[in-house]
Amino acid sequence: MLKNITLPFSFFYIASIIFPLLIFTLKINADTKIVAKSGDTLFKLSRQYGVPLKELMYKNNFNDANKLIEGETILIPLKNNDEYNKNEHISYKVLKGDTLYKIARDYNISLKDIIAINNLSNDSYLETNQILFLPKGSFYKKIMVDKSDKLASKKVFYHQTIEGETLSEIAQTHRIQSQELFSLNELNETAEVKPNTKLKIRDNNALRWLKYGSIIINWSDWRYYDGNYITQAKTKKNTSFDIAISCKKRALNNTLNNTYWTNWYFPKTDFEFKLINDFCDKDFNF
């Protein structure tokens, strides 16, 4: 009689061990659902969970990686970097003088993709001979942009000149008549403009400072400079500095430390995300 119950007992004992293991295996091989918190974006979550941004956007049917998604249920794909890197990426060895922006530009790929693929926490510094992964199919294609094709995407009030710009080119950049530019700045058609000269583009009599987190920003002083936008800002201690926005990169820069521009950096705080969204995605309200 004892022999008859030994086998079933052993079977149930082994099953009791295997079954939880099967559940655990299923659990770690499944996608995870989370509820997005305040300040979350898909770009922020891709870095936090170490998953490719493209895959995260595809899984959740989002086409804006920088959109605030508080309260949304987000599917976090299973992270399998070895397989992903092997099948979907090509390797690139960093050369002296390389930056993420230079590589993205030269290979005509998204900067956000490089950062997400490589799980970078420091997006402004690369070491020579460092190996990066680039999207499969990337190839060297340095894009030359004709100055006459550059157009300002925002209707700001000022233009800060760069080397070699002419007044007619500046007027074309901002879609205004050359005569209007001459009149606003009391210039004639033959006037030569030095680099870093601040020119008035549109009339603006309002002075408006807006608070963003721990700083206030002079919203009436935005000026276009070589594809980016700059304005004055102040800290709580009334320390003045300049802040810059690149709508194309969705990145920021500032002169807060030692009055020198830093490397471009991506927003990390709620107010930085809001600042970029307000400036790049909305119209000026005066």
Protein backbone atom coordinates (compact mmCIF):
# COMPACT_ATOMS: atom_id res chain seq x y z
CA MET A 1 0.00 0.00 0.00
CA LEU A 2 2.85 2.35 0.78
CA LYS A 3 4.32 1.77 -2.72
CA ASN A 4 1.09 2.84 -4.36
CA ILE A 5 1.11 6.35 -2.90
CA THR A 6 4.84 7.04 -3.30
CA LEU A 7 4.67 7.80 -7.03
CA PRO A 8 1.73 10.25 -6.90
CA PHE A 9 3.32 12.04 -3.97
CA SER A 10 6.62 12.41 -5.84
CA PHE A 11 4.78 13.64 -8.93
CA PHE A 12 2.91 16.35 -7.01
CA TYR A 13 6.07 17.36 -5.21
CA ILE A 14 7.96 17.88 -8.48
CA ALA A 15 4.96 19.62 -10.05
CA SER A 16 4.78 21.99 -7.11
CA ILE A 17 8.32 23.09 -7.92
CA ILE A 18 8.01 23.26 -11.72
CA PHE A 19 4.69 25.12 -11.85
CA PRO A 20 5.90 28.27 -10.00
CA LEU A 21 9.02 28.22 -12.19
CA LEU A 22 6.82 28.17 -15.31
CA ILE A 23 4.85 31.13 -13.98
CA PHE A 24 8.06 33.00 -13.22
CA THR A 25 9.43 32.27 -16.71
CA LEU A 26 6.25 33.57 -18.29
CA LYS A 27 6.39 36.67 -16.12
CA ILE A 28 9.94 37.69 -17.04
CA ASN A 29 9.32 37.09 -20.74
CA ALA A 30 6.20 39.26 -20.87
CA ASP A 31 5.87 42.97 -21.50
CA THR A 32 5.22 45.11 -18.42
CA LYS A 33 2.46 47.66 -17.97
CA ILE A 34 3.01 50.83 -15.93
CA VAL A 35 1.01 54.01 -15.26
CA ALA A 36 2.98 57.09 -16.34
CA LYS A 37 3.78 59.60 -13.60
CA SER A 38 3.92 63.39 -13.67
CA GLY A 39 6.58 64.59 -16.11
CA ASP A 40 6.87 61.23 -17.88
CA THR A 41 7.36 61.05 -21.65
CA LEU A 42 8.15 58.02 -23.80
CA PHE A 43 11.65 59.40 -24.29
CA LYS A 44 12.14 59.63 -20.51
CA LEU A 45 10.76 56.10 -19.97
CA SER A 46 12.96 54.63 -22.72
CA ARG A 47 16.03 55.80 -20.82
CA GLN A 48 14.63 54.83 -17.43
CA TYR A 49 13.81 51.25 -18.46
CA GLY A 50 16.63 50.83 -20.99
CA VAL A 51 14.41 49.96 -23.95
CA PRO A 52 14.67 51.27 -27.53
CA LEU A 53 12.59 54.40 -28.05
CA LYS A 54 11.26 53.25 -31.44
CA GLU A 55 10.00 49.99 -29.98
CA LEU A 56 8.39 51.81 -27.04
CA MET A 57 6.61 54.23 -29.40
CA TYR A 58 5.45 51.35 -31.64
CA LYS A 59 4.14 49.25 -28.76
CA ASN A 60 2.09 52.17 -27.41
CA ASN A 61 1.01 53.70 -30.74
CA PHE A 62 2.56 57.13 -29.95
CA ASN A 63 4.25 59.35 -32.54
CA ASP A 64 5.49 62.08 -30.15
CA ALA A 65 8.24 60.90 -27.81
CA ASN A 66 8.25 64.19 -25.87
CA LYS A 67 4.52 64.41 -25.15
CA LEU A 68 3.64 64.43 -21.44
CA ILE A 69 1.74 61.20 -20.73
CA GLU A 70 0.82 61.37 -17.03
CA GLY A 71 -1.91 58.85 -16.17
CA GLU A 72 -1.51 56.85 -19.39
CA THR A 73 -1.07 53.06 -19.17
CA ILE A 74 2.21 52.35 -20.95
CA LEU A 75 3.47 48.99 -22.19
CA ILE A 76 7.18 48.51 -21.48
CA PRO A 77 8.62 45.97 -23.96
CA LEU A 78 10.76 43.11 -22.74
CA LYS A 79 14.38 44.26 -22.74
CA ASN A 80 16.59 41.98 -24.76
CA ASN A 81 19.47 44.20 -25.69
CA ASP A 82 21.87 41.50 -26.93
CA GLU A 83 19.43 40.15 -29.49
CA TYR A 84 18.19 43.61 -30.39
CA ASN A 85 21.68 45.02 -30.91
CA LYS A 86 22.79 42.01 -32.92
CA ASN A 87 19.88 41.97 -35.34
CA GLU A 88 18.86 45.60 -35.66
CA HIS A 89 22.04 47.67 -35.34
CA ILE A 90 25.41 48.34 -36.87
CA SER A 91 28.43 49.29 -34.79
CA TYR A 92 30.30 52.59 -35.03
CA LYS A 93 33.70 53.43 -33.50
CA VAL A 94 33.86 56.98 -32.15
CA LEU A 95 36.49 59.19 -33.78
CA LYS A 96 38.35 62.10 -32.22
CA GLY A 97 36.12 65.18 -32.27
CA ASP A 98 32.88 63.19 -32.63
CA THR A 99 29.74 64.25 -30.78
CA LEU A 100 26.33 62.62 -30.80
CA TYR A 101 24.98 65.55 -32.80
CA LYS A 102 27.74 65.24 -35.42
CA ILE A 103 27.18 61.49 -35.83
CA ALA A 104 23.41 61.92 -36.09
CA ARG A 105 23.86 64.66 -38.69
CA ASP A 106 26.50 62.83 -40.73
CA TYR A 107 24.49 59.59 -40.83
CA ASN A 108 21.14 61.37 -41.22
CA ILE A 109 19.60 59.56 -38.25
CA SER A 110 17.70 60.64 -35.15
CA LEU A 111 19.78 61.77 -32.18
CA LYS A 112 17.12 60.32 -29.86
CA ASP A 113 17.52 56.91 -31.53
CA ILE A 114 21.28 56.87 -30.85
CA ILE A 115 20.73 57.77 -27.20
CA ALA A 116 17.92 55.24 -26.72
CA ILE A 117 19.73 52.40 -28.52
CA ASN A 118 22.89 52.86 -26.47
CA ASN A 119 21.15 53.61 -23.15
CA LEU A 120 23.27 56.72 -22.69
CA SER A 121 22.92 58.76 -19.54
CA ASN A 122 25.50 61.36 -20.59
CA ASP A 123 24.47 62.51 -24.04
CA SER A 124 27.11 65.20 -24.41
CA TYR A 125 30.42 63.33 -24.11
CA LEU A 126 31.98 60.50 -26.11
CA GLU A 127 35.34 58.79 -25.73
CA THR A 128 37.57 58.11 -28.73
CA ASN A 129 37.27 54.45 -29.88
CA GLN A 130 34.04 54.02 -27.91
CA ILE A 131 31.67 51.63 -29.72
CA LEU A 132 28.14 52.89 -30.42
CA PHE A 133 25.22 51.12 -32.05
CA LEU A 134 23.46 52.88 -34.94
CA PRO A 135 20.16 51.85 -36.57
CA LYS A 136 20.59 49.11 -39.16
CA GLY A 137 20.95 50.61 -42.64
CA SER A 138 22.64 53.83 -41.47
CA PHE A 139 25.20 55.17 -43.90
CA TYR A 140 27.44 58.23 -44.07
CA LYS A 141 25.57 61.05 -45.75
CA LYS A 142 26.73 64.49 -44.70
CA ILE A 143 23.94 66.90 -45.52
CA MET A 144 24.87 70.34 -46.82
CA VAL A 145 22.20 72.96 -46.15
CA ASP A 146 22.08 76.04 -48.34
CA LYS A 147 21.81 79.24 -46.28
CA SER A 148 18.99 80.44 -48.53
CA ASP A 149 16.95 77.37 -47.54
CA LYS A 150 17.06 78.14 -43.81
CA LEU A 151 13.79 79.44 -42.44
CA ALA A 152 12.93 80.41 -38.88
CA SER A 153 10.20 78.14 -37.54
CA LYS A 154 9.04 80.64 -34.87
CA LYS A 155 8.00 84.26 -35.34
CA VAL A 156 10.40 85.78 -32.83
CA PHE A 157 11.19 89.46 -32.40
CA TYR A 158 14.95 89.50 -32.91
CA HIS A 159 17.72 87.95 -34.99
CA GLN A 160 21.30 87.49 -33.82
CA THR A 161 23.66 87.49 -36.80
CA ILE A 162 26.35 84.97 -37.70
CA GLU A 163 29.46 85.34 -39.87
CA GLY A 164 28.70 85.97 -43.54
CA GLU A 165 24.96 86.70 -43.27
CA THR A 166 23.49 89.45 -45.42
CA LEU A 167 20.44 91.56 -44.64
CA SER A 168 18.51 90.08 -47.56
CA GLU A 169 19.23 86.54 -46.32
CA ILE A 170 18.07 87.49 -42.82
CA ALA A 171 14.84 88.93 -44.21
CA GLN A 172 14.28 85.72 -46.19
CA THR A 173 14.95 83.59 -43.10
CA HIS A 174 12.12 85.34 -41.24
CA ARG A 175 9.80 85.71 -44.25
CA ILE A 176 9.71 89.49 -44.08
CA GLN A 177 10.43 92.21 -46.63
CA SER A 178 13.99 93.53 -46.70
CA GLN A 179 12.68 97.08 -46.52
CA GLU A 180 10.91 96.27 -43.26
CA LEU A 181 14.18 95.00 -41.80
CA PHE A 182 16.00 98.17 -42.92
CA SER A 183 13.29 100.38 -41.42
CA LEU A 184 13.10 98.62 -38.04
CA ASN A 185 16.86 98.85 -37.56
CA GLU A 186 17.46 102.20 -39.31
CA LEU A 187 19.79 100.63 -41.87
CA ASN A 188 20.28 101.14 -45.59
CA GLU A 189 20.57 98.47 -48.26
CA THR A 190 24.38 98.62 -48.38
CA ALA A 191 24.90 98.36 -44.62
CA GLU A 192 27.26 95.62 -43.44
CA VAL A 193 26.27 93.74 -40.31
CA LYS A 194 28.87 92.31 -37.95
CA PRO A 195 28.46 88.84 -36.35
CA ASN A 196 26.50 88.70 -33.07
CA THR A 197 24.55 91.85 -33.90
CA LYS A 198 21.01 91.85 -32.51
CA LEU A 199 18.53 92.98 -35.16
CA LYS A 200 14.86 93.73 -34.68
CA ILE A 201 12.58 91.56 -36.82
CA ARG A 202 9.11 92.54 -35.62
CA ASP A 203 7.57 95.25 -33.45
CA ASN A 204 7.07 94.26 -29.85
CA ASN A 205 6.24 96.72 -27.09
CA ALA A 206 5.37 94.16 -24.42
CA LEU A 207 7.81 93.09 -21.72
CA ARG A 208 6.88 89.71 -20.33
CA TRP A 209 8.76 87.50 -17.87
CA LEU A 210 7.37 84.00 -17.31
CA LYS A 211 8.23 81.64 -14.45
CA TYR A 212 9.43 78.11 -15.21
CA GLY A 213 10.40 76.13 -12.14
CA SER A 214 13.25 77.90 -10.36
CA ILE A 215 13.91 80.44 -13.12
CA ILE A 216 12.10 83.26 -14.92
CA ILE A 217 12.42 83.82 -18.66
CA ASN A 218 12.12 86.97 -20.73
CA TRP A 219 9.55 85.77 -23.25
CA SER A 220 9.70 89.04 -25.19
CA ASP A 221 13.45 88.82 -25.92
CA TRP A 222 13.60 85.55 -27.92
CA ARG A 223 16.03 85.86 -30.82
CA TYR A 224 16.89 83.52 -33.67
CA TYR A 225 20.53 82.44 -33.92
CA ASP A 226 21.76 79.96 -36.54
CA GLY A 227 18.72 77.70 -36.33
CA ASN A 228 18.27 77.97 -32.54
CA TYR A 229 16.59 80.46 -30.20
CA ILE A 230 18.06 82.42 -27.29
CA THR A 231 16.64 84.67 -24.58
CA GLN A 232 17.45 86.15 -21.17
CA ALA A 233 16.72 84.29 -17.93
CA LYS A 234 17.20 84.84 -14.19
CA THR A 235 17.55 82.57 -11.16
CA LYS A 236 15.81 83.03 -7.80
CA LYS A 237 18.89 84.93 -6.65
CA ASN A 238 18.48 87.30 -9.61
CA THR A 239 21.54 85.93 -11.43
CA SER A 240 21.18 86.71 -15.14
CA PHE A 241 22.11 84.22 -17.85
CA ASP A 242 21.10 83.22 -21.38
CA ILE A 243 19.10 80.12 -22.21
CA ALA A 244 18.83 78.51 -25.65
CA ILE A 245 16.34 76.09 -27.21
CA SER A 246 16.74 73.85 -30.23
CA CYS A 247 13.28 72.83 -31.40
CA LYS A 248 14.81 70.45 -33.93
CA LYS A 249 16.75 68.56 -31.24
CA ARG A 250 14.21 69.26 -28.47
CA ALA A 251 17.23 70.21 -26.36
CA LEU A 252 18.44 73.06 -24.14
CA ASN A 253 21.62 75.03 -23.49
CA ASN A 254 22.56 77.80 -21.05
CA THR A 255 25.34 80.12 -19.86
CA LEU A 256 24.56 79.78 -16.16
CA ASN A 257 27.99 78.40 -15.22
CA ASN A 258 30.93 80.72 -15.90
CA THR A 259 28.95 82.54 -18.63
CA TYR A 260 30.01 79.96 -21.24
CA TRP A 261 27.59 77.85 -23.26
CA THR A 262 27.46 74.21 -22.16
CA ASN A 263 26.81 71.20 -24.39
CA TRP A 264 23.22 70.69 -25.51
CA TYR A 265 21.25 68.60 -23.03
CA PHE A 266 17.80 67.03 -23.00
CA PRO A 267 15.14 68.15 -20.51
CA LYS A 268 15.03 66.27 -17.22
CA THR A 269 12.62 68.29 -15.06
CA ASP A 270 8.94 69.06 -15.57
CA PHE A 271 9.56 72.76 -16.16
CA GLU A 272 12.21 72.04 -18.83
CA PHE A 273 9.76 69.82 -20.73
CA LYS A 274 7.09 72.50 -20.37
CA LEU A 275 9.44 75.23 -21.59
CA ILE A 276 10.29 73.33 -24.77
CA ASN A 277 6.65 72.41 -25.38
CA ASP A 278 5.46 75.98 -24.81
CA PHE A 279 8.07 77.51 -27.08
CA CYS A 280 8.31 74.95 -29.87
CA ASP A 281 4.68 73.78 -30.09
CA LYS A 282 2.63 76.85 -29.29
CA ASP A 283 2.14 80.33 -30.73
CA PHE A 284 3.34 83.44 -28.92
CA ASN A 285 0.52 85.09 -26.98
CA PHE A 286 0.98 88.86 -26.55
